[in-house]
Structure formats: structure tokens, C-alpha cells
Amino acid sequence: ILQGIILVSAVIGFIYGYIAEQFGWTVYIVMAGFALSCLLTLPSWPMYHHNPLKWLPVQEPGTEDKKPAERELKCHT
């Protein structure tokens, strides 16, 4: 969403700035697109929490499900 809004605003800003022959308008339109994309994507909106990811539980070091024999086979020469 962030990149799409910025890209669309950059294209619109470039076209409008070219037609109006004012580089300032291009910059203003791109900055407005950036502000809009930040407003839509940076806060933790409830619409982004419909399908939350299920993360794996934290494992302590050394509690892996490997057999002791498999751990000893690793030798670096």
C-alpha cells in the first residue's frame, strides 16, 4: 500500500508539474502522497488484524528436538 500510493502520487505529481510548469507542485503532491501512505500504513489499524500471524513459541538455546548423536556428528575441520 505504501509503495503504491507513493508511486501513484509521484506519477500524478510529475504529470501535473509538467503541465503547470511548476516543480513545486510536483514536490507538494509527492509529499501529500507520502503523508497519506504513512497515515494509512504506520498506525496499527484494526483492519490489519483480521488474520493475525501465529508465531512459533520461543525456544531456549539447547532445547532443540535433535538427538544427542546428531549434535556430535557435526565436526568442523
N, C-alpha and C. Protein backbone atom coordinates (compact mmCIF):
# COMPACT_ATOMS: atom_id res chain seq x y z
N ILE A 1 0.84 -1.19 0.00
CA ILE A 1 0.00 0.00 0.00
C ILE A 1 0.89 1.25 0.00
N LEU A 2 1.91 1.23 0.84
CA LEU A 2 2.78 2.40 0.97
C LEU A 2 3.45 2.73 -0.36
N GLN A 3 4.06 1.74 -0.97
CA GLN A 3 4.77 1.99 -2.23
C GLN A 3 3.81 2.34 -3.36
N GLY A 4 2.64 1.73 -3.38
CA GLY A 4 1.67 2.02 -4.43
C GLY A 4 1.18 3.45 -4.39
N ILE A 5 0.85 3.93 -3.19
CA ILE A 5 0.38 5.31 -3.05
C ILE A 5 1.48 6.29 -3.43
N ILE A 6 2.70 6.03 -2.99
CA ILE A 6 3.80 6.93 -3.32
C ILE A 6 4.06 6.93 -4.83
N LEU A 7 4.01 5.77 -5.46
CA LEU A 7 4.24 5.70 -6.90
C LEU A 7 3.15 6.44 -7.67
N VAL A 8 1.90 6.23 -7.30
CA VAL A 8 0.80 6.91 -7.99
C VAL A 8 0.89 8.42 -7.80
N SER A 9 1.19 8.85 -6.57
CA SER A 9 1.30 10.29 -6.34
C SER A 9 2.49 10.89 -7.07
N ALA A 10 3.57 10.14 -7.21
CA ALA A 10 4.73 10.64 -7.95
C ALA A 10 4.40 10.81 -9.43
N VAL A 11 3.68 9.86 -10.00
CA VAL A 11 3.30 9.97 -11.42
C VAL A 11 2.34 11.13 -11.62
N ILE A 12 1.33 11.22 -10.76
CA ILE A 12 0.37 12.33 -10.87
C ILE A 12 1.08 13.66 -10.65
N GLY A 13 1.96 13.73 -9.65
CA GLY A 13 2.69 14.96 -9.39
C GLY A 13 3.59 15.36 -10.55
N PHE A 14 4.25 14.37 -11.16
CA PHE A 14 5.11 14.68 -12.29
C PHE A 14 4.31 15.21 -13.48
N ILE A 15 3.20 14.56 -13.77
CA ILE A 15 2.36 14.99 -14.91
C ILE A 15 1.80 16.38 -14.64
N TYR A 16 1.25 16.60 -13.45
CA TYR A 16 0.68 17.91 -13.15
C TYR A 16 1.77 18.99 -13.13
N GLY A 17 2.91 18.68 -12.54
CA GLY A 17 4.00 19.65 -12.51
C GLY A 17 4.53 19.97 -13.90
N TYR A 18 4.54 18.97 -14.78
CA TYR A 18 4.99 19.20 -16.15
C TYR A 18 4.01 20.09 -16.91
N ILE A 19 2.71 19.82 -16.74
CA ILE A 19 1.69 20.61 -17.43
C ILE A 19 1.68 22.04 -16.89
N ALA A 20 1.75 22.18 -15.56
CA ALA A 20 1.70 23.51 -14.94
C ALA A 20 3.06 24.22 -14.99
N GLU A 21 4.10 23.49 -15.38
CA GLU A 21 5.47 24.00 -15.43
C GLU A 21 5.91 24.56 -14.08
N GLN A 22 5.54 23.86 -13.04
CA GLN A 22 5.90 24.23 -11.67
C GLN A 22 6.41 22.98 -10.94
N PHE A 23 7.71 22.96 -10.65
CA PHE A 23 8.28 21.81 -9.94
C PHE A 23 7.76 21.74 -8.51
N GLY A 24 7.41 22.86 -7.94
CA GLY A 24 6.89 22.89 -6.58
C GLY A 24 5.64 22.06 -6.40
N TRP A 25 4.74 22.09 -7.39
CA TRP A 25 3.52 21.29 -7.32
C TRP A 25 3.84 19.80 -7.31
N THR A 26 4.86 19.42 -8.07
CA THR A 26 5.28 18.02 -8.08
C THR A 26 5.72 17.59 -6.69
N VAL A 27 6.52 18.42 -6.06
CA VAL A 27 7.01 18.11 -4.71
C VAL A 27 5.85 18.07 -3.72
N TYR A 28 4.93 19.01 -3.80
CA TYR A 28 3.79 19.03 -2.87
C TYR A 28 2.91 17.79 -3.03
N ILE A 29 2.67 17.38 -4.25
CA ILE A 29 1.81 16.22 -4.49
C ILE A 29 2.49 14.94 -4.00
N VAL A 30 3.79 14.81 -4.23
CA VAL A 30 4.51 13.63 -3.75
C VAL A 30 4.55 13.62 -2.22
N MET A 31 4.76 14.77 -1.60
CA MET A 31 4.76 14.84 -0.13
C MET A 31 3.38 14.51 0.43
N ALA A 32 2.32 14.96 -0.24
CA ALA A 32 0.96 14.63 0.21
C ALA A 32 0.70 13.13 0.08
N GLY A 33 1.18 12.52 -1.00
CA GLY A 33 1.05 11.07 -1.15
C GLY A 33 1.81 10.31 -0.09
N PHE A 34 3.01 10.81 0.25
CA PHE A 34 3.79 10.18 1.30
C PHE A 34 3.08 10.29 2.65
N ALA A 35 2.54 11.46 2.94
CA ALA A 35 1.82 11.66 4.20
C ALA A 35 0.58 10.76 4.27
N LEU A 36 -0.14 10.65 3.16
CA LEU A 36 -1.32 9.79 3.12
C LEU A 36 -0.95 8.33 3.32
N SER A 37 0.12 7.89 2.66
CA SER A 37 0.54 6.50 2.81
C SER A 37 1.02 6.20 4.23
N CYS A 38 1.70 7.15 4.85
CA CYS A 38 2.12 6.97 6.25
C CYS A 38 0.91 6.90 7.17
N LEU A 39 -0.08 7.73 6.92
CA LEU A 39 -1.29 7.73 7.75
C LEU A 39 -2.04 6.40 7.63
N LEU A 40 -2.02 5.80 6.44
CA LEU A 40 -2.75 4.55 6.23
C LEU A 40 -1.99 3.32 6.70
N THR A 41 -0.67 3.36 6.70
CA THR A 41 0.08 2.13 6.96
C THR A 41 0.82 2.09 8.29
N LEU A 42 1.24 3.22 8.84
CA LEU A 42 2.05 3.17 10.05
C LEU A 42 1.26 2.87 11.32
N PRO A 43 0.09 3.45 11.56
CA PRO A 43 -0.63 3.09 12.78
C PRO A 43 -1.14 1.65 12.71
N SER A 44 -1.36 1.08 13.86
CA SER A 44 -1.87 -0.29 13.94
C SER A 44 -3.40 -0.26 13.85
N TRP A 45 -3.91 -0.14 12.64
CA TRP A 45 -5.35 -0.06 12.44
C TRP A 45 -5.99 -1.43 12.64
N PRO A 46 -7.24 -1.49 13.16
CA PRO A 46 -7.91 -2.78 13.37
C PRO A 46 -8.14 -3.57 12.08
N MET A 47 -8.23 -2.89 10.94
CA MET A 47 -8.47 -3.61 9.68
C MET A 47 -7.29 -4.50 9.30
N TYR A 48 -6.11 -4.24 9.86
CA TYR A 48 -4.95 -5.06 9.56
C TYR A 48 -4.84 -6.28 10.47
N HIS A 49 -5.74 -6.41 11.45
CA HIS A 49 -5.66 -7.50 12.42
C HIS A 49 -6.73 -8.57 12.20
N HIS A 50 -7.32 -8.65 11.01
CA HIS A 50 -8.35 -9.66 10.75
C HIS A 50 -7.75 -11.07 10.72
N ASN A 51 -6.58 -11.23 10.15
CA ASN A 51 -5.92 -12.53 10.05
C ASN A 51 -4.52 -12.44 10.64
N PRO A 52 -4.41 -12.46 11.98
CA PRO A 52 -3.08 -12.33 12.58
C PRO A 52 -2.23 -13.57 12.33
N LEU A 53 -0.93 -13.37 12.30
CA LEU A 53 0.00 -14.48 12.13
C LEU A 53 0.19 -15.20 13.46
N LYS A 54 0.29 -16.52 13.39
CA LYS A 54 0.55 -17.31 14.59
C LYS A 54 2.04 -17.62 14.59
N TRP A 55 2.74 -17.06 15.57
CA TRP A 55 4.18 -17.22 15.67
C TRP A 55 4.50 -18.47 16.47
N LEU A 56 5.68 -19.03 16.21
CA LEU A 56 6.14 -20.18 16.97
C LEU A 56 6.54 -19.75 18.37
N PRO A 57 6.40 -20.64 19.34
CA PRO A 57 6.83 -20.27 20.70
C PRO A 57 8.35 -20.13 20.76
N VAL A 58 8.81 -19.36 21.72
CA VAL A 58 10.24 -19.13 21.89
C VAL A 58 10.89 -20.38 22.46
N GLN A 59 12.00 -20.80 21.85
CA GLN A 59 12.74 -21.96 22.35
C GLN A 59 14.02 -21.50 23.02
N GLU A 60 14.30 -22.07 24.14
CA GLU A 60 15.54 -21.77 24.84
C GLU A 60 16.70 -22.43 24.09
N PRO A 61 17.89 -21.85 24.12
CA PRO A 61 19.03 -22.47 23.44
C PRO A 61 19.34 -23.85 24.02
N GLY A 62 19.56 -24.80 23.14
CA GLY A 62 19.91 -26.15 23.58
C GLY A 62 18.71 -27.05 23.81
N THR A 63 17.49 -26.58 23.57
CA THR A 63 16.31 -27.42 23.76
C THR A 63 15.70 -27.82 22.43
N GLU A 64 16.54 -27.98 21.42
CA GLU A 64 16.04 -28.36 20.11
C GLU A 64 15.64 -29.83 20.13
N ASP A 65 14.88 -30.23 19.14
CA ASP A 65 14.38 -31.61 19.08
C ASP A 65 15.35 -32.53 18.35
N LYS A 66 16.63 -32.30 18.47
CA LYS A 66 17.62 -33.17 17.83
C LYS A 66 18.11 -34.21 18.82
N LYS A 67 18.48 -35.34 18.28
CA LYS A 67 19.03 -36.40 19.13
C LYS A 67 20.46 -36.04 19.50
N PRO A 68 20.94 -36.48 20.65
CA PRO A 68 22.32 -36.17 21.05
C PRO A 68 23.35 -36.68 20.05
N ALA A 69 23.09 -37.81 19.40
CA ALA A 69 24.05 -38.36 18.44
C ALA A 69 24.19 -37.45 17.24
N GLU A 70 23.10 -36.78 16.82
CA GLU A 70 23.15 -35.89 15.66
C GLU A 70 23.96 -34.63 15.97
N ARG A 71 23.92 -34.18 17.20
CA ARG A 71 24.67 -33.00 17.58
C ARG A 71 26.18 -33.26 17.56
N GLU A 72 26.59 -34.45 17.92
CA GLU A 72 28.01 -34.79 18.00
C GLU A 72 28.62 -35.03 16.62
N LEU A 73 27.83 -35.33 15.62
CA LEU A 73 28.35 -35.64 14.30
C LEU A 73 28.90 -34.41 13.58
N LYS A 74 28.49 -33.25 13.98
CA LYS A 74 28.95 -32.04 13.33
C LYS A 74 30.37 -31.72 13.79
N CYS A 75 31.34 -31.90 12.93
CA CYS A 75 32.70 -31.52 13.29
C CYS A 75 33.27 -30.68 12.16
N HIS A 76 33.86 -29.60 12.52
CA HIS A 76 34.42 -28.67 11.54
C HIS A 76 35.91 -28.91 11.43
N THR A 77 36.36 -29.18 10.20
CA THR A 77 37.78 -29.42 10.00
C THR A 77 38.41 -28.30 9.22
